[in-house]
PDB file of N, CA and C in Angstrom:
ATOM      1  N   MET A   1     -20.010  23.264  -7.844  1.00  0.00           N
ATOM      2  CA  MET A   1     -18.798  23.112  -7.224  1.00  0.00           C
ATOM      3  C   MET A   1     -18.929  22.007  -6.173  1.00  0.00           C
ATOM      4  N   SER A   2     -18.036  21.102  -6.140  1.00  0.00           N
ATOM      5  CA  SER A   2     -18.083  19.957  -5.120  1.00  0.00           C
ATOM      6  C   SER A   2     -17.449  20.404  -3.837  1.00  0.00           C
ATOM      7  N   THR A   3     -17.881  19.789  -2.795  1.00  0.00           N
ATOM      8  CA  THR A   3     -17.372  19.990  -1.475  1.00  0.00           C
ATOM      9  C   THR A   3     -16.201  19.102  -1.195  1.00  0.00           C
ATOM     10  N   ALA A   4     -15.160  19.714  -0.628  1.00  0.00           N
ATOM     11  CA  ALA A   4     -13.935  18.876  -0.324  1.00  0.00           C
ATOM     12  C   ALA A   4     -14.261  17.862   0.660  1.00  0.00           C
ATOM     13  N   ILE A   5     -13.664  16.597   0.487  1.00  0.00           N
ATOM     14  CA  ILE A   5     -13.905  15.583   1.366  1.00  0.00           C
ATOM     15  C   ILE A   5     -12.821  15.632   2.437  1.00  0.00           C
ATOM     16  N   PRO A   6     -13.203  15.736   3.737  1.00  0.00           N
ATOM     17  CA  PRO A   6     -12.223  15.803   4.836  1.00  0.00           C
ATOM     18  C   PRO A   6     -11.421  14.527   4.962  1.00  0.00           C
ATOM     19  N   ARG A   7     -10.201  14.688   5.465  1.00  0.00           N
ATOM     20  CA  ARG A   7      -9.360  13.555   5.734  1.00  0.00           C
ATOM     21  C   ARG A   7     -10.050  12.663   6.723  1.00  0.00           C
ATOM     22  N   PRO A   8     -10.119  11.302   6.500  1.00  0.00           N
ATOM     23  CA  PRO A   8     -10.789  10.450   7.520  1.00  0.00           C
ATOM     24  C   PRO A   8     -10.131  10.531   8.874  1.00  0.00           C
ATOM     25  N   GLU A   9     -10.784  10.139   9.880  1.00  0.00           N
ATOM     26  CA  GLU A   9     -10.207   9.995  11.215  1.00  0.00           C
ATOM     27  C   GLU A   9      -9.417   8.651  11.174  1.00  0.00           C
ATOM     28  N   LEU A  10      -8.065   8.777  11.280  1.00  0.00           N
ATOM     29  CA  LEU A  10      -7.153   7.607  11.142  1.00  0.00           C
ATOM     30  C   LEU A  10      -6.273   7.475  12.359  1.00  0.00           C
ATOM     31  N   SER A  11      -6.562   8.132  13.467  1.00  0.00           N
ATOM     32  CA  SER A  11      -5.640   8.037  14.676  1.00  0.00           C
ATOM     33  C   SER A  11      -5.358   6.562  15.052  1.00  0.00           C
ATOM     34  N   ALA A  12      -6.306   5.726  14.908  1.00  0.00           N
ATOM     35  CA  ALA A  12      -6.155   4.342  15.347  1.00  0.00           C
ATOM     36  C   ALA A  12      -5.207   3.553  14.417  1.00  0.00           C
ATOM     37  N   LEU A  13      -5.018   4.152  13.184  1.00  0.00           N
ATOM     38  CA  LEU A  13      -4.184   3.545  12.173  1.00  0.00           C
ATOM     39  C   LEU A  13      -2.790   4.114  12.072  1.00  0.00           C
ATOM     40  N   GLU A  14      -2.483   5.158  12.742  1.00  0.00           N
ATOM     41  CA  GLU A  14      -1.263   5.871  12.559  1.00  0.00           C
ATOM     42  C   GLU A  14       0.011   4.962  12.642  1.00  0.00           C
ATOM     43  N   ALA A  15      -0.046   4.072  13.619  1.00  0.00           N
ATOM     44  CA  ALA A  15       1.176   3.084  13.706  1.00  0.00           C
ATOM     45  C   ALA A  15       1.253   2.321  12.416  1.00  0.00           C
ATOM     46  N   HIS A  16       0.204   1.745  11.952  1.00  0.00           N
ATOM     47  CA  HIS A  16       0.231   0.953  10.763  1.00  0.00           C
ATOM     48  C   HIS A  16       0.671   1.836   9.518  1.00  0.00           C
ATOM     49  N   ILE A  17       0.136   3.087   9.460  1.00  0.00           N
ATOM     50  CA  ILE A  17       0.471   4.011   8.377  1.00  0.00           C
ATOM     51  C   ILE A  17       1.998   4.302   8.410  1.00  0.00           C
ATOM     52  N   ALA A  18       2.502   4.481   9.580  1.00  0.00           N
ATOM     53  CA  ALA A  18       3.960   4.798   9.751  1.00  0.00           C
ATOM     54  C   ALA A  18       4.815   3.560   9.351  1.00  0.00           C
ATOM     55  N   ALA A  19       4.349   2.427   9.740  1.00  0.00           N
ATOM     56  CA  ALA A  19       5.142   1.212   9.428  1.00  0.00           C
ATOM     57  C   ALA A  19       5.106   0.734   8.045  1.00  0.00           C
ATOM     58  N   TRP A  20       3.891   0.887   7.415  1.00  0.00           N
ATOM     59  CA  TRP A  20       3.623   0.337   6.011  1.00  0.00           C
ATOM     60  C   TRP A  20       3.696   1.368   4.933  1.00  0.00           C
ATOM     61  N   GLY A  21       3.617   2.628   5.350  1.00  0.00           N
ATOM     62  CA  GLY A  21       3.528   3.783   4.421  1.00  0.00           C
ATOM     63  C   GLY A  21       4.929   4.141   3.859  1.00  0.00           C
ATOM     64  N   LEU A  22       5.544   3.204   3.210  1.00  0.00           N
ATOM     65  CA  LEU A  22       6.926   3.375   2.746  1.00  0.00           C
ATOM     66  C   LEU A  22       6.979   3.794   1.268  1.00  0.00           C
ATOM     67  N   PRO A  23       7.908   4.617   0.908  1.00  0.00           N
ATOM     68  CA  PRO A  23       7.872   5.305  -0.355  1.00  0.00           C
ATOM     69  C   PRO A  23       8.103   4.604  -1.670  1.00  0.00           C
ATOM     70  N   THR A  24       8.622   3.355  -1.611  1.00  0.00           N
ATOM     71  CA  THR A  24       8.884   2.641  -2.796  1.00  0.00           C
ATOM     72  C   THR A  24       8.376   1.225  -2.737  1.00  0.00           C
ATOM     73  N   THR A  25       8.101   0.622  -3.919  1.00  0.00           N
ATOM     74  CA  THR A  25       7.697  -0.739  -3.937  1.00  0.00           C
ATOM     75  C   THR A  25       8.712  -1.666  -3.277  1.00  0.00           C
ATOM     76  N   GLU A  26       9.954  -1.357  -3.529  1.00  0.00           N
ATOM     77  CA  GLU A  26      11.019  -2.202  -2.884  1.00  0.00           C
ATOM     78  C   GLU A  26      11.044  -2.105  -1.394  1.00  0.00           C
ATOM     79  N   HIS A  27      10.818  -0.879  -0.809  1.00  0.00           N
ATOM     80  CA  HIS A  27      10.738  -0.779   0.587  1.00  0.00           C
ATOM     81  C   HIS A  27       9.486  -1.547   1.158  1.00  0.00           C
ATOM     82  N   ARG A  28       8.443  -1.443   0.464  1.00  0.00           N
ATOM     83  CA  ARG A  28       7.198  -2.116   0.963  1.00  0.00           C
ATOM     84  C   ARG A  28       7.316  -3.659   0.836  1.00  0.00           C
ATOM     85  N   LEU A  29       7.969  -4.097  -0.220  1.00  0.00           N
ATOM     86  CA  LEU A  29       8.265  -5.486  -0.381  1.00  0.00           C
ATOM     87  C   LEU A  29       9.161  -5.967   0.788  1.00  0.00           C
ATOM     88  N   SER A  30      10.218  -5.297   1.041  1.00  0.00           N
ATOM     89  CA  SER A  30      11.120  -5.659   2.211  1.00  0.00           C
ATOM     90  C   SER A  30      10.342  -5.669   3.451  1.00  0.00           C
ATOM     91  N   LYS A  31       9.432  -4.799   3.656  1.00  0.00           N
ATOM     92  CA  LYS A  31       8.649  -4.722   4.894  1.00  0.00           C
ATOM     93  C   LYS A  31       7.785  -5.996   4.931  1.00  0.00           C
ATOM     94  N   ARG A  32       7.177  -6.344   3.890  1.00  0.00           N
ATOM     95  CA  ARG A  32       6.261  -7.491   3.889  1.00  0.00           C
ATOM     96  C   ARG A  32       7.126  -8.783   4.081  1.00  0.00           C
ATOM     97  N   LEU A  33       8.236  -8.924   3.468  1.00  0.00           N
ATOM     98  CA  LEU A  33       9.131 -10.085   3.608  1.00  0.00           C
ATOM     99  C   LEU A  33       9.690 -10.290   5.039  1.00  0.00           C
ATOM    100  N   SER A  34       9.840  -9.109   5.715  1.00  0.00           N
ATOM    101  CA  SER A  34      10.434  -9.171   7.093  1.00  0.00           C
ATOM    102  C   SER A  34       9.371  -9.247   8.123  1.00  0.00           C
ATOM    103  N   SER A  35       8.121  -9.237   7.734  1.00  0.00           N
ATOM    104  CA  SER A  35       6.988  -9.261   8.689  1.00  0.00           C
ATOM    105  C   SER A  35       6.438 -10.747   8.861  1.00  0.00           C
ATOM    106  N   SER A  36       5.894 -11.028   9.998  1.00  0.00           N
ATOM    107  CA  SER A  36       5.217 -12.275  10.153  1.00  0.00           C
ATOM    108  C   SER A  36       3.888 -12.153   9.423  1.00  0.00           C
ATOM    109  N   MET A  37       3.243 -13.237   9.214  1.00  0.00           N
ATOM    110  CA  MET A  37       1.833 -13.259   8.654  1.00  0.00           C
ATOM    111  C   MET A  37       0.873 -12.588   9.611  1.00  0.00           C
ATOM    112  N   ASP A  38       1.075 -12.743  10.883  1.00  0.00           N
ATOM    113  CA  ASP A  38       0.231 -12.127  11.805  1.00  0.00           C
ATOM    114  C   ASP A  38       0.372 -10.586  11.747  1.00  0.00           C
ATOM    115  N   GLU A  39       1.516 -10.043  11.478  1.00  0.00           N
ATOM    116  CA  GLU A  39       1.755  -8.662  11.344  1.00  0.00           C
ATOM    117  C   GLU A  39       1.145  -8.084  10.078  1.00  0.00           C
ATOM    118  N   VAL A  40       1.262  -8.868   8.930  1.00  0.00           N
ATOM    119  CA  VAL A  40       0.666  -8.487   7.638  1.00  0.00           C
ATOM    120  C   VAL A  40      -0.876  -8.460   7.804  1.00  0.00           C
ATOM    121  N   ARG A  41      -1.422  -9.460   8.481  1.00  0.00           N
ATOM    122  CA  ARG A  41      -2.864  -9.571   8.615  1.00  0.00           C
ATOM    123  C   ARG A  41      -3.349  -8.456   9.546  1.00  0.00           C
ATOM    124  N   ALA A  42      -2.645  -8.131  10.583  1.00  0.00           N
ATOM    125  CA  ALA A  42      -3.042  -7.034  11.463  1.00  0.00           C
ATOM    126  C   ALA A  42      -3.139  -5.791  10.711  1.00  0.00           C
ATOM    127  N   PHE A  43      -2.117  -5.533   9.916  1.00  0.00           N
ATOM    128  CA  PHE A  43      -2.138  -4.221   9.031  1.00  0.00           C
ATOM    129  C   PHE A  43      -3.364  -4.297   8.087  1.00  0.00           C
ATOM    130  N   TYR A  44      -3.538  -5.352   7.447  1.00  0.00           N
ATOM    131  CA  TYR A  44      -4.655  -5.467   6.489  1.00  0.00           C
ATOM    132  C   TYR A  44      -5.990  -5.293   7.155  1.00  0.00           C
ATOM    133  N   ASP A  45      -6.151  -6.079   8.230  1.00  0.00           N
ATOM    134  CA  ASP A  45      -7.500  -6.011   8.986  1.00  0.00           C
ATOM    135  C   ASP A  45      -7.791  -4.660   9.549  1.00  0.00           C
ATOM    136  N   ALA A  46      -6.727  -3.945   9.942  1.00  0.00           N
ATOM    137  CA  ALA A  46      -6.908  -2.538  10.521  1.00  0.00           C
ATOM    138  C   ALA A  46      -7.291  -1.601   9.397  1.00  0.00           C
ATOM    139  N   MET A  47      -6.664  -1.657   8.266  1.00  0.00           N
ATOM    140  CA  MET A  47      -6.801  -0.707   7.178  1.00  0.00           C
ATOM    141  C   MET A  47      -8.085  -0.984   6.386  1.00  0.00           C
ATOM    142  N   LEU A  48      -8.510  -2.196   6.228  1.00  0.00           N
ATOM    143  CA  LEU A  48      -9.590  -2.600   5.306  1.00  0.00           C
ATOM    144  C   LEU A  48     -10.868  -1.799   5.562  1.00  0.00           C
ATOM    145  N   PRO A  49     -11.298  -1.714   6.803  1.00  0.00           N
ATOM    146  CA  PRO A  49     -12.593  -0.930   6.995  1.00  0.00           C
ATOM    147  C   PRO A  49     -12.520   0.491   6.578  1.00  0.00           C
ATOM    148  N   LYS A  50     -11.401   1.106   6.714  1.00  0.00           N
ATOM    149  CA  LYS A  50     -11.215   2.503   6.422  1.00  0.00           C
ATOM    150  C   LYS A  50     -10.901   2.799   4.966  1.00  0.00           C
ATOM    151  N   LEU A  51     -10.624   1.767   4.229  1.00  0.00           N
ATOM    152  CA  LEU A  51     -10.126   1.926   2.849  1.00  0.00           C
ATOM    153  C   LEU A  51     -11.128   2.690   1.931  1.00  0.00           C
ATOM    154  N   PRO A  52     -12.385   2.404   1.963  1.00  0.00           N
ATOM    155  CA  PRO A  52     -13.284   3.176   1.106  1.00  0.00           C
ATOM    156  C   PRO A  52     -13.217   4.702   1.380  1.00  0.00           C
ATOM    157  N   GLU A  53     -13.177   5.054   2.682  1.00  0.00           N
ATOM    158  CA  GLU A  53     -13.025   6.473   3.070  1.00  0.00           C
ATOM    159  C   GLU A  53     -11.751   7.084   2.543  1.00  0.00           C
ATOM    160  N   VAL A  54     -10.691   6.273   2.773  1.00  0.00           N
ATOM    161  CA  VAL A  54      -9.313   6.805   2.338  1.00  0.00           C
ATOM    162  C   VAL A  54      -9.229   7.010   0.868  1.00  0.00           C
ATOM    163  N   ILE A  55      -9.792   5.998   0.100  1.00  0.00           N
ATOM    164  CA  ILE A  55      -9.818   6.212  -1.350  1.00  0.00           C
ATOM    165  C   ILE A  55     -10.581   7.350  -1.826  1.00  0.00           C
ATOM    166  N   ASP A  56     -11.751   7.480  -1.235  1.00  0.00           N
ATOM    167  CA  ASP A  56     -12.647   8.665  -1.585  1.00  0.00           C
ATOM    168  C   ASP A  56     -11.855   9.927  -1.335  1.00  0.00           C
ATOM    169  N   TYR A  57     -11.242  10.041  -0.146  1.00  0.00           N
ATOM    170  CA  TYR A  57     -10.415  11.234   0.239  1.00  0.00           C
ATOM    171  C   TYR A  57      -9.344  11.514  -0.771  1.00  0.00           C
ATOM    172  N   LEU A  58      -8.483  10.530  -1.095  1.00  0.00           N
ATOM    173  CA  LEU A  58      -7.385  10.664  -1.998  1.00  0.00           C
ATOM    174  C   LEU A  58      -7.777  10.924  -3.404  1.00  0.00           C
ATOM    175  N   ASN A  59      -8.925  10.390  -3.874  1.00  0.00           N
ATOM    176  CA  ASN A  59      -9.379  10.505  -5.196  1.00  0.00           C
ATOM    177  C   ASN A  59      -9.780  11.929  -5.572  1.00  0.00           C
ATOM    178  N   GLN A  60     -10.002  12.715  -4.568  1.00  0.00           N
ATOM    179  CA  GLN A  60     -10.324  14.162  -4.870  1.00  0.00           C
ATOM    180  C   GLN A  60      -9.231  14.983  -5.385  1.00  0.00           C
ATOM    181  N   PHE A  61      -8.022  14.456  -5.212  1.00  0.00           N
ATOM    182  CA  PHE A  61      -6.878  15.201  -5.682  1.00  0.00           C
ATOM    183  C   PHE A  61      -6.258  14.624  -6.985  1.00  0.00           C
ATOM    184  N   PRO A  62      -5.757  15.461  -7.809  1.00  0.00           N
ATOM    185  CA  PRO A  62      -4.871  14.884  -8.855  1.00  0.00           C
ATOM    186  C   PRO A  62      -3.601  14.300  -8.245  1.00  0.00           C
ATOM    187  N   LEU A  63      -2.984  13.346  -8.926  1.00  0.00           N
ATOM    188  CA  LEU A  63      -1.839  12.729  -8.344  1.00  0.00           C
ATOM    189  C   LEU A  63      -0.838  13.589  -7.897  1.00  0.00           C
ATOM    190  N   ASP A  64      -0.563  14.682  -8.680  1.00  0.00           N
ATOM    191  CA  ASP A  64       0.521  15.605  -8.304  1.00  0.00           C
ATOM    192  C   ASP A  64      -0.041  16.696  -7.309  1.00  0.00           C
ATOM    193  N   GLY A  65      -1.252  16.552  -6.925  1.00  0.00           N
ATOM    194  CA  GLY A  65      -1.879  17.542  -5.916  1.00  0.00           C
ATOM    195  C   GLY A  65      -2.209  16.924  -4.583  1.00  0.00           C
ATOM    196  N   ILE A  66      -1.777  15.673  -4.335  1.00  0.00           N
ATOM    197  CA  ILE A  66      -2.046  15.059  -3.005  1.00  0.00           C
ATOM    198  C   ILE A  66      -1.175  15.741  -2.029  1.00  0.00           C
ATOM    199  N   PRO A  67      -1.698  16.218  -0.910  1.00  0.00           N
ATOM    200  CA  PRO A  67      -0.915  16.892   0.108  1.00  0.00           C
ATOM    201  C   PRO A  67       0.302  16.002   0.499  1.00  0.00           C
ATOM    202  N   LYS A  68       1.484  16.600   0.570  1.00  0.00           N
ATOM    203  CA  LYS A  68       2.762  15.853   0.885  1.00  0.00           C
ATOM    204  C   LYS A  68       2.571  15.120   2.197  1.00  0.00           C
ATOM    205  N   ASN A  69       1.855  15.690   3.203  1.00  0.00           N
ATOM    206  CA  ASN A  69       1.792  15.041   4.499  1.00  0.00           C
ATOM    207  C   ASN A  69       0.855  13.774   4.362  1.00  0.00           C
ATOM    208  N   ASP A  70       0.227  13.576   3.262  1.00  0.00           N
ATOM    209  CA  ASP A  70      -0.572  12.426   3.047  1.00  0.00           C
ATOM    210  C   ASP A  70       0.143  11.283   2.250  1.00  0.00           C
ATOM    211  N   ASN A  71       1.381  11.575   1.879  1.00  0.00           N
ATOM    212  CA  ASN A  71       2.201  10.540   1.208  1.00  0.00           C
ATOM    213  C   ASN A  71       2.206   9.216   1.928  1.00  0.00           C
ATOM    214  N   PRO A  72       2.497   9.159   3.222  1.00  0.00           N
ATOM    215  CA  PRO A  72       2.521   7.887   3.879  1.00  0.00           C
ATOM    216  C   PRO A  72       1.102   7.124   3.795  1.00  0.00           C
ATOM    217  N   LEU A  73       0.057   7.921   3.786  1.00  0.00           N
ATOM    218  CA  LEU A  73      -1.263   7.344   3.612  1.00  0.00           C
ATOM    219  C   LEU A  73      -1.452   6.776   2.213  1.00  0.00           C
ATOM    220  N   VAL A  74      -0.992   7.432   1.207  1.00  0.00           N
ATOM    221  CA  VAL A  74      -0.972   6.902  -0.156  1.00  0.00           C
ATOM    222  C   VAL A  74      -0.130   5.673  -0.210  1.00  0.00           C
ATOM    223  N   TRP A  75       1.045   5.675   0.345  1.00  0.00           N
ATOM    224  CA  TRP A  75       1.882   4.487   0.275  1.00  0.00           C
ATOM    225  C   TRP A  75       1.347   3.272   1.049  1.00  0.00           C
ATOM    226  N   ALA A  76       0.695   3.566   2.187  1.00  0.00           N
ATOM    227  CA  ALA A  76       0.086   2.480   2.974  1.00  0.00           C
ATOM    228  C   ALA A  76      -1.108   1.821   2.190  1.00  0.00           C
ATOM    229  N   THR A  77      -1.827   2.691   1.452  1.00  0.00           N
ATOM    230  CA  THR A  77      -2.879   2.299   0.619  1.00  0.00           C
ATOM    231  C   THR A  77      -2.311   1.363  -0.487  1.00  0.00           C
ATOM    232  N   LEU A  78      -1.246   1.738  -1.128  1.00  0.00           N
ATOM    233  CA  LEU A  78      -0.535   0.907  -2.119  1.00  0.00           C
ATOM    234  C   LEU A  78      -0.107  -0.461  -1.475  1.00  0.00           C
ATOM    235  N   ALA A  79       0.390  -0.355  -0.254  1.00  0.00           N
ATOM    236  CA  ALA A  79       0.764  -1.523   0.513  1.00  0.00           C
ATOM    237  C   ALA A  79      -0.388  -2.541   0.738  1.00  0.00           C
ATOM    238  N   MET A  80      -1.599  -2.010   0.856  1.00  0.00           N
ATOM    239  CA  MET A  80      -2.788  -2.797   1.003  1.00  0.00           C
ATOM    240  C   MET A  80      -2.944  -3.679  -0.287  1.00  0.00           C
ATOM    241  N   CYS A  81      -2.747  -3.056  -1.445  1.00  0.00           N
ATOM    242  CA  CYS A  81      -2.786  -3.806  -2.715  1.00  0.00           C
ATOM    243  C   CYS A  81      -1.741  -4.904  -2.777  1.00  0.00           C
ATOM    244  N   GLU A  82      -0.560  -4.516  -2.226  1.00  0.00           N
ATOM    245  CA  GLU A  82       0.602  -5.364  -2.381  1.00  0.00           C
ATOM    246  C   GLU A  82       0.572  -6.598  -1.371  1.00  0.00           C
ATOM    247  N   VAL A  83      -0.197  -6.481  -0.314  1.00  0.00           N
ATOM    248  CA  VAL A  83      -0.280  -7.557   0.690  1.00  0.00           C
ATOM    249  C   VAL A  83      -1.568  -8.376   0.414  1.00  0.00           C
ATOM    250  N   ASP A  84      -2.398  -7.923  -0.468  1.00  0.00           N
ATOM    251  CA  ASP A  84      -3.679  -8.602  -0.680  1.00  0.00           C
ATOM    252  C   ASP A  84      -3.545 -10.085  -1.007  1.00  0.00           C
ATOM    253  N   ASN A  85      -2.680 -10.477  -1.926  1.00  0.00           N
ATOM    254  CA  ASN A  85      -2.476 -11.911  -2.294  1.00  0.00           C
ATOM    255  C   ASN A  85      -1.973 -12.675  -0.994  1.00  0.00           C
ATOM    256  N   ALA A  86      -1.016 -12.088  -0.308  1.00  0.00           N
ATOM    257  CA  ALA A  86      -0.573 -12.775   0.902  1.00  0.00           C
ATOM    258  C   ALA A  86      -1.620 -13.069   1.907  1.00  0.00           C
ATOM    259  N   VAL A  87      -2.627 -12.183   1.975  1.00  0.00           N
ATOM    260  CA  VAL A  87      -3.678 -12.393   2.978  1.00  0.00           C
ATOM    261  C   VAL A  87      -4.856 -13.214   2.413  1.00  0.00           C
ATOM    262  N   ASN A  88      -5.172 -12.977   1.207  1.00  0.00           N
ATOM    263  CA  ASN A  88      -6.433 -13.565   0.604  1.00  0.00           C
ATOM    264  C   ASN A  88      -6.252 -14.781  -0.253  1.00  0.00           C
ATOM    265  N   LYS A  89      -5.036 -15.004  -0.760  1.00  0.00           N
ATOM    266  CA  LYS A  89      -4.771 -16.227  -1.605  1.00  0.00           C
ATOM    267  C   LYS A  89      -3.747 -17.148  -0.900  1.00  0.00           C
ATOM    268  N   TRP A  90      -2.676 -16.723  -0.539  1.00  0.00           N
ATOM    269  CA  TRP A  90      -1.571 -17.580  -0.065  1.00  0.00           C
ATOM    270  C   TRP A  90      -1.653 -17.932   1.331  1.00  0.00           C
ATOM    271  N   ASN A  91      -2.173 -17.021   2.200  1.00  0.00           N
ATOM    272  CA  ASN A  91      -2.118 -17.101   3.643  1.00  0.00           C
ATOM    273  C   ASN A  91      -0.636 -17.315   4.163  1.00  0.00           C
ATOM    274  N   ARG A  92       0.183 -16.649   3.478  1.00  0.00           N
ATOM    275  CA  ARG A  92       1.646 -16.609   3.905  1.00  0.00           C
ATOM    276  C   ARG A  92       2.247 -15.352   3.268  1.00  0.00           C
ATOM    277  N   VAL A  93       3.348 -14.923   3.837  1.00  0.00           N
ATOM    278  CA  VAL A  93       3.969 -13.659   3.466  1.00  0.00           C
ATOM    279  C   VAL A  93       4.344 -13.624   1.973  1.00  0.00           C
ATOM    280  N   VAL A  94       4.873 -14.707   1.565  1.00  0.00           N
ATOM    281  CA  VAL A  94       5.381 -14.859   0.125  1.00  0.00           C
ATOM    282  C   VAL A  94       5.056 -16.212  -0.374  1.00  0.00           C
ATOM    283  N   LEU A  95       4.627 -16.350  -1.598  1.00  0.00           N
ATOM    284  CA  LEU A  95       4.422 -17.663  -2.210  1.00  0.00           C
ATOM    285  C   LEU A  95       5.803 -18.243  -2.586  1.00  0.00           C
ATOM    286  N   ASP A  96       6.110 -19.398  -2.032  1.00  0.00           N
ATOM    287  CA  ASP A  96       7.359 -20.054  -2.299  1.00  0.00           C
ATOM    288  C   ASP A  96       7.414 -20.720  -3.654  1.00  0.00           C
ATOM    289  N   THR A  97       7.952 -19.996  -4.606  1.00  0.00           N
ATOM    290  CA  THR A  97       8.058 -20.546  -6.017  1.00  0.00           C
ATOM    291  C   THR A  97       9.451 -20.925  -6.284  1.00  0.00           C
ATOM    292  N   GLY A  98      10.372 -20.738  -5.395  1.00  0.00           N
ATOM    293  CA  GLY A  98      11.723 -20.987  -5.659  1.00  0.00           C
ATOM    294  C   GLY A  98      12.480 -19.789  -6.260  1.00  0.00           C
ATOM    295  N   ILE A  99      11.790 -18.724  -6.553  1.00  0.00           N
ATOM    296  CA  ILE A  99      12.298 -17.533  -7.129  1.00  0.00           C
ATOM    297  C   ILE A  99      12.405 -16.471  -6.103  1.00  0.00           C
ATOM    298  N   ASP A 100      13.588 -15.873  -5.893  1.00  0.00           N
ATOM    299  CA  ASP A 100      13.756 -14.840  -4.972  1.00  0.00           C
ATOM    300  C   ASP A 100      13.136 -13.557  -5.551  1.00  0.00           C
ATOM    301  N   ILE A 101      11.980 -13.161  -5.048  1.00  0.00           N
ATOM    302  CA  ILE A 101      11.255 -12.026  -5.689  1.00  0.00           C
ATOM    303  C   ILE A 101      12.096 -10.622  -5.499  1.00  0.00           C
ATOM    304  N   ARG A 102      13.072 -10.622  -4.550  1.00  0.00           N
ATOM    305  CA  ARG A 102      13.942  -9.462  -4.402  1.00  0.00           C
ATOM    306  C   ARG A 102      14.850  -9.263  -5.556  1.00  0.00           C
ATOM    307  N   ARG A 103      15.032 -10.256  -6.407  1.00  0.00           N
ATOM    308  CA  ARG A 103      15.957 -10.246  -7.526  1.00  0.00           C
ATOM    309  C   ARG A 103      15.182  -9.699  -8.825  1.00  0.00           C
ATOM    310  N   MET A 104      13.850  -9.546  -8.755  1.00  0.00           N
ATOM    311  CA  MET A 104      13.151  -9.050  -9.897  1.00  0.00           C
ATOM    312  C   MET A 104      13.471  -7.579 -10.156  1.00  0.00           C
ATOM    313  N   ILE A 105      13.491  -7.292 -11.412  1.00  0.00           N
ATOM    314  CA  ILE A 105      13.784  -5.895 -11.693  1.00  0.00           C
ATOM    315  C   ILE A 105      12.433  -5.180 -11.871  1.00  0.00           C
ATOM    316  N   PRO A 106      12.274  -4.142 -11.027  1.00  0.00           N
ATOM    317  CA  PRO A 106      11.022  -3.409 -11.078  1.00  0.00           C
ATOM    318  C   PRO A 106      10.816  -2.624 -12.269  1.00  0.00           C
ATOM    319  N   LYS A 107       9.634  -2.554 -12.782  1.00  0.00           N
ATOM    320  CA  LYS A 107       9.329  -1.779 -14.050  1.00  0.00           C
ATOM    321  C   LYS A 107       9.336  -0.334 -13.644  1.00  0.00           C
ATOM    322  N   THR A 108       9.772   0.440 -14.601  1.00  0.00           N
ATOM    323  CA  THR A 108       9.850   1.914 -14.364  1.00  0.00           C
ATOM    324  C   THR A 108       8.749   2.701 -15.081  1.00  0.00           C
ATOM    325  N   SER A 109       8.023   1.990 -15.834  1.00  0.00           N
ATOM    326  CA  SER A 109       6.810   2.556 -16.520  1.00  0.00           C
ATOM    327  C   SER A 109       5.788   1.453 -16.714  1.00  0.00           C
ATOM    328  N   PHE A 110       4.674   1.865 -17.199  1.00  0.00           N
ATOM    329  CA  PHE A 110       3.514   1.004 -17.346  1.00  0.00           C
ATOM    330  C   PHE A 110       3.831  -0.177 -18.345  1.00  0.00           C
ATOM    331  N   SER A 111       4.607   0.170 -19.373  1.00  0.00           N
ATOM    332  CA  SER A 111       4.926  -0.911 -20.359  1.00  0.00           C
ATOM    333  C   SER A 111       6.497  -0.934 -20.432  1.00  0.00           C
ATOM    334  N   ASP A 112       6.944  -2.169 -20.479  1.00  0.00           N
ATOM    335  CA  ASP A 112       8.442  -2.319 -20.620  1.00  0.00           C
ATOM    336  C   ASP A 112       8.796  -2.460 -22.112  1.00  0.00           C
ATOM    337  N   ARG A 113       7.904  -2.195 -22.997  1.00  0.00           N
ATOM    338  CA  ARG A 113       8.179  -2.328 -24.428  1.00  0.00           C
ATOM    339  C   ARG A 113       8.311  -0.883 -25.090  1.00  0.00           C
ATOM    340  N   GLY A 114       8.343   0.102 -24.342  1.00  0.00           N
ATOM    341  CA  GLY A 114       8.591   1.447 -24.846  1.00  0.00           C
ATOM    342  C   GLY A 114       7.294   2.082 -25.460  1.00  0.00           C
ATOM    343  N   TYR A 115       6.116   1.501 -25.263  1.00  0.00           N
ATOM    344  CA  TYR A 115       4.916   2.118 -25.754  1.00  0.00           C
ATOM    345  C   TYR A 115       4.525   3.240 -24.793  1.00  0.00           C
ATOM    346  N   GLU A 116       3.917   4.256 -25.289  1.00  0.00           N
ATOM    347  CA  GLU A 116       3.467   5.312 -24.363  1.00  0.00           C
ATOM    348  C   GLU A 116       1.962   5.347 -24.370  1.00  0.00           C
TER     349      GLU A 116
END
């Protein structure tokens, strides 16, 4: 029997988790687009050192068994994935391709072709 992994100490990150731990991709995208690059980088730099601990903690639960009070932590962890290109590739909040990414239709499943 494995030992439960305790929730990491995240008091220094609570403001970032509250700001970025938004429940939908659309909300997190809106947050990124309305943030300065300095704000995005501050979030990324604060979360990155704790990410391995957070992932280990969250991975001990089945998806439908993650404690509800940890939902903002889950969503902030997803936000880390969503801001990675902005921080590590583009060095700007959004890549200017001429396409308004807010007009993209979000996928509702893994495949948009109806495969299961």
